[in-house]
Structure formats: structure tokens, C-alpha cells
């Protein structure tokens, strides 16, 4: 020890060593956590929040579009396709049917059909590629299909076993007697 340096008491020296060890352990744990964080997936990668399906507009299928004929009245078009999603004061002779569908884990669907009128009669239509009704319903069903359908027919052995079990229970019927219950009169004056 240097002659001008103050002498440390043993108790103070052990406190400094303990503090240095605590600082060293904290630094090591920070380094370990940061290197592990880069390798492990975070909670947001594993758990995703539920998002509702968003359906907007009119579903127009190819069958409905094929039923449209030039010369149909506005009322006939509305009866076939429903009310248009977009109508404009500036374009009174044009109705837009827009359909959007957003579902978590799938590409958003967007389709558009525009009908043009000349006066009160349908003149022409412009449309995106529209799915058939069956194709549209299939696009909504995202459940996984089972690999093999269950057998829905019983074998001869299963039928015989079933008949034997039912014959035993039908051979010894238990008599059913209705319980006798007496109810008090509904009105207080009726009991007199």
C-alpha cells in the first residue's frame, strides 16, 4: 500500500467488491437477454390478435350479371342486384356495385360491377371477373377439410349387435306409472 493512501477497513472493502460483483452480474444479464432476444421469437410473433371479417357492399355473382339484359328497367336491376353501393347526383345514369371482403390471413377480395342506364332502361354493364355463387361460397369457407370422410354405413355385424342390444331392452319393459299429484286450488274461495 502507498503510505499516503488511506487504509480501507475490511468491511468497506467487502462492500466495494460486492457492489462490483452486482454491477458485473447486471451487465452480464443484460448482454445475455439482448443476445437471446435476437434468437427467440417475441410474443407478438406467436400470438396474433383476432381480427373480425370485414364485408362491405353487394355480392354480385356471375349468374346475376348474366341475368342482366339491355332494356331492363331500374326497378328490375335493383330487384336482381339490390340497391347500389354508390350512386351519384352528377352521374344519375350510373350505378356502382362494389364488394370488398377482408379476412385475417387471406388476400382481400375486391370486385366492382357498374351498370349504365339510358333514361330508365339498362344500356350496358362493366364488371370485373365475377365468381359464380359456388366459387364465392367456397372462398368464404376457410376451414380445413378432413382427409377422409367417415363411413356412414354399418356392417352386418354392427347391425346384429345393435338389434341384440335393443331386443334385450325391449323384452323387459318397465311399467311406467304417472305420479299422482294433488294441487291446491288456485283461488282461496274455491276450497270452501
Protein backbone atom coordinates (compact mmCIF):
# COMPACT_ATOMS: atom_id res chain seq x y z
CA UNK A 1 0.00 0.00 0.00
CA UNK A 2 1.09 3.52 -0.65
CA UNK A 3 1.96 5.40 2.54
CA UNK A 4 -0.30 8.40 1.64
CA UNK A 5 -3.36 6.25 0.69
CA UNK A 6 -5.88 5.80 3.49
CA UNK A 7 -6.26 2.28 4.76
CA UNK A 8 -9.54 0.61 3.91
CA UNK A 9 -11.37 -1.13 6.61
CA UNK A 10 -12.15 -4.78 5.83
CA UNK A 11 -15.86 -4.09 5.99
CA UNK A 12 -15.72 -1.25 3.40
CA UNK A 13 -13.54 -3.33 1.10
CA UNK A 14 -16.07 -6.19 1.04
CA UNK A 15 -18.87 -3.71 0.21
CA UNK A 16 -16.95 -2.43 -2.78
CA UNK A 17 -16.27 -5.94 -4.02
CA UNK A 18 -19.95 -6.87 -3.58
CA UNK A 19 -21.06 -3.74 -5.47
CA UNK A 20 -18.64 -4.51 -8.30
CA UNK A 21 -19.91 -8.09 -8.49
CA UNK A 22 -23.54 -6.89 -8.61
CA UNK A 23 -22.69 -4.46 -11.44
CA UNK A 24 -20.85 -7.20 -13.30
CA UNK A 25 -23.79 -9.61 -12.91
CA UNK A 26 -26.27 -6.94 -14.12
CA UNK A 27 -24.15 -6.22 -17.20
CA UNK A 28 -23.82 -9.93 -17.97
CA UNK A 29 -27.60 -10.47 -17.68
CA UNK A 30 -28.27 -7.53 -20.00
CA UNK A 31 -25.91 -8.98 -22.59
CA UNK A 32 -27.48 -12.43 -22.25
CA UNK A 33 -31.02 -11.06 -22.60
CA UNK A 34 -30.19 -8.98 -25.66
CA UNK A 35 -28.49 -11.89 -27.44
CA UNK A 36 -31.36 -14.25 -26.56
CA UNK A 37 -33.96 -11.73 -27.73
CA UNK A 38 -32.47 -11.77 -31.21
CA UNK A 39 -32.75 -15.57 -31.41
CA UNK A 40 -36.14 -16.23 -29.75
CA UNK A 41 -39.49 -15.21 -31.27
CA UNK A 42 -41.33 -12.46 -29.48
CA UNK A 43 -44.82 -12.84 -28.05
CA UNK A 44 -46.31 -10.84 -30.94
CA UNK A 45 -44.85 -13.34 -33.40
CA UNK A 46 -46.51 -16.27 -31.65
CA UNK A 47 -49.84 -14.77 -30.57
CA UNK A 48 -51.86 -12.74 -33.05
CA UNK A 49 -54.94 -10.80 -32.05
CA UNK A 50 -58.31 -11.78 -33.51
CA UNK A 51 -59.44 -9.53 -36.32
CA UNK A 52 -63.05 -9.62 -37.46
CA UNK A 53 -64.02 -10.23 -41.06
CA UNK A 54 -64.96 -7.01 -42.84
CA UNK A 55 -67.63 -7.38 -45.50
CA UNK A 56 -68.77 -4.30 -47.37
CA UNK A 57 -71.00 -3.79 -50.36
CA UNK A 58 -73.09 -6.03 -52.57
CA UNK A 59 -72.10 -9.55 -53.50
CA UNK A 60 -72.75 -9.84 -57.24
CA UNK A 61 -72.14 -13.25 -58.78
CA UNK A 62 -71.60 -14.14 -62.42
CA UNK A 63 -75.08 -15.68 -62.54
CA UNK A 64 -76.63 -12.36 -61.51
CA UNK A 65 -74.55 -10.42 -64.06
CA UNK A 66 -75.59 -12.84 -66.83
CA UNK A 67 -79.25 -12.28 -65.95
CA UNK A 68 -78.92 -8.56 -66.70
CA UNK A 69 -80.31 -7.71 -70.14
CA UNK A 70 -80.21 -4.39 -72.00
CA UNK A 71 -83.56 -2.65 -71.77
CA UNK A 72 -84.32 -3.75 -68.19
CA UNK A 73 -85.83 -1.04 -66.01
CA UNK A 74 -84.05 0.41 -62.98
CA UNK A 75 -86.51 -1.40 -60.73
CA UNK A 76 -85.74 -4.75 -62.38
CA UNK A 77 -81.99 -4.16 -61.97
CA UNK A 78 -82.48 -3.20 -58.31
CA UNK A 79 -84.59 -6.32 -57.75
CA UNK A 80 -81.86 -8.50 -59.28
CA UNK A 81 -78.73 -6.90 -57.76
CA UNK A 82 -80.01 -4.98 -54.75
CA UNK A 83 -79.51 -1.32 -54.04
CA UNK A 84 -76.28 0.08 -55.47
CA UNK A 85 -73.49 0.92 -53.06
CA UNK A 86 -72.65 4.12 -54.93
CA UNK A 87 -74.94 6.50 -56.76
CA UNK A 88 -74.00 9.99 -57.76
CA UNK A 89 -76.05 13.11 -58.34
CA UNK A 90 -73.62 14.03 -61.09
CA UNK A 91 -73.89 10.61 -62.78
CA UNK A 92 -77.57 9.72 -62.42
CA UNK A 93 -77.34 7.15 -65.22
CA UNK A 94 -74.64 5.09 -63.48
CA UNK A 95 -74.88 2.69 -60.52
CA UNK A 96 -71.78 1.14 -58.95
CA UNK A 97 -71.90 -2.16 -57.10
CA UNK A 98 -68.67 -2.54 -55.13
CA UNK A 99 -67.83 -5.53 -52.95
CA UNK A 100 -64.87 -5.83 -50.57
CA UNK A 101 -64.08 -8.64 -48.17
CA UNK A 102 -61.14 -8.66 -45.75
CA UNK A 103 -60.30 -11.68 -43.62
CA UNK A 104 -57.27 -12.27 -41.45
CA UNK A 105 -54.72 -14.48 -43.19
CA UNK A 106 -56.21 -14.07 -46.69
CA UNK A 107 -55.79 -11.66 -49.55
CA UNK A 108 -58.55 -9.02 -49.58
CA UNK A 109 -61.23 -9.56 -52.24
CA UNK A 110 -62.49 -6.59 -54.24
CA UNK A 111 -64.94 -6.67 -57.14
CA UNK A 112 -66.83 -4.00 -58.99
CA UNK A 113 -69.81 -4.01 -61.35
CA UNK A 114 -71.13 -0.82 -62.95
CA UNK A 115 -74.47 -0.57 -64.72
CA UNK A 116 -75.22 2.29 -67.13
CA UNK A 117 -78.72 3.46 -67.94
CA UNK A 118 -80.07 5.47 -70.83
CA UNK A 119 -83.11 7.16 -69.38
CA UNK A 120 -84.91 4.45 -67.39
CA UNK A 121 -83.56 1.44 -69.33
CA UNK A 122 -80.33 -0.54 -68.81
CA UNK A 123 -77.87 0.24 -71.58
CA UNK A 124 -74.71 -1.72 -70.69
CA UNK A 125 -72.64 -3.16 -67.83
CA UNK A 126 -68.94 -3.17 -66.98
CA UNK A 127 -67.67 -5.70 -64.49
CA UNK A 128 -64.57 -7.29 -63.04
CA UNK A 129 -64.24 -11.06 -63.30
CA UNK A 130 -67.07 -12.22 -61.05
CA UNK A 131 -67.16 -15.59 -59.31
CA UNK A 132 -70.07 -17.99 -59.53
CA UNK A 133 -72.16 -18.39 -56.41
CA UNK A 134 -70.48 -21.72 -55.62
CA UNK A 135 -67.00 -20.22 -56.07
CA UNK A 136 -67.86 -17.30 -53.81
CA UNK A 137 -69.18 -19.55 -51.04
CA UNK A 138 -66.07 -21.76 -51.35
CA UNK A 139 -63.83 -18.69 -50.96
CA UNK A 140 -65.55 -17.89 -47.66
CA UNK A 141 -65.05 -21.36 -46.19
CA UNK A 142 -61.51 -21.46 -44.81
CA UNK A 143 -61.91 -24.47 -42.53
CA UNK A 144 -59.54 -27.31 -43.17
CA UNK A 145 -61.24 -30.22 -44.84
CA UNK A 146 -60.73 -33.63 -43.23
CA UNK A 147 -58.59 -36.10 -45.10
CA UNK A 148 -61.11 -38.92 -45.32
CA UNK A 149 -64.87 -38.88 -44.78
CA UNK A 150 -66.16 -41.24 -42.10
CA UNK A 151 -68.01 -44.37 -43.17
CA UNK A 152 -71.73 -43.81 -42.70
CA UNK A 153 -72.88 -47.37 -43.23
CA UNK A 154 -72.94 -50.07 -40.57
CA UNK A 155 -71.60 -53.55 -41.25
CA UNK A 156 -73.79 -56.64 -40.85
CA UNK A 157 -72.04 -57.47 -37.58
CA UNK A 158 -72.70 -53.97 -36.18
CA UNK A 159 -76.38 -54.19 -37.17
CA UNK A 160 -76.80 -57.60 -35.46
CA UNK A 161 -75.11 -56.30 -32.31
CA UNK A 162 -77.39 -53.25 -32.33
CA UNK A 163 -80.51 -55.41 -32.76
CA UNK A 164 -79.45 -57.72 -29.91
CA UNK A 165 -78.90 -54.80 -27.52
CA UNK A 166 -82.28 -53.29 -28.43
CA UNK A 167 -84.05 -56.67 -28.14
CA UNK A 168 -82.81 -57.10 -24.56
CA UNK A 169 -84.02 -53.67 -23.52
CA UNK A 170 -87.37 -54.10 -25.35
CA UNK A 171 -88.01 -57.59 -23.85
CA UNK A 172 -88.25 -56.37 -20.28
CA UNK A 173 -90.27 -53.18 -20.38
CA UNK A 174 -90.60 -51.41 -17.10
CA UNK A 175 -94.09 -50.27 -16.23
CA UNK A 176 -94.43 -46.53 -16.18
CA UNK A 177 -96.93 -45.11 -13.76
CA UNK A 178 -97.77 -41.48 -13.61
CA UNK A 179 -97.22 -39.92 -10.22
CA UNK A 180 -100.36 -38.72 -8.53
CA UNK A 181 -100.08 -35.11 -7.63
CA UNK A 182 -102.67 -33.09 -5.83
CA UNK A 183 -102.52 -29.37 -6.35
CA UNK A 184 -104.13 -26.81 -4.03
CA UNK A 185 -106.96 -24.75 -5.51
CA UNK A 186 -105.97 -21.58 -7.32
CA UNK A 187 -108.43 -19.38 -5.54
CA UNK A 188 -108.83 -19.20 -1.79
CA UNK A 189 -112.64 -19.24 -2.03
CA UNK A 190 -112.74 -22.41 -4.15
CA UNK A 191 -111.61 -24.65 -1.26
CA UNK A 192 -114.77 -23.95 0.83
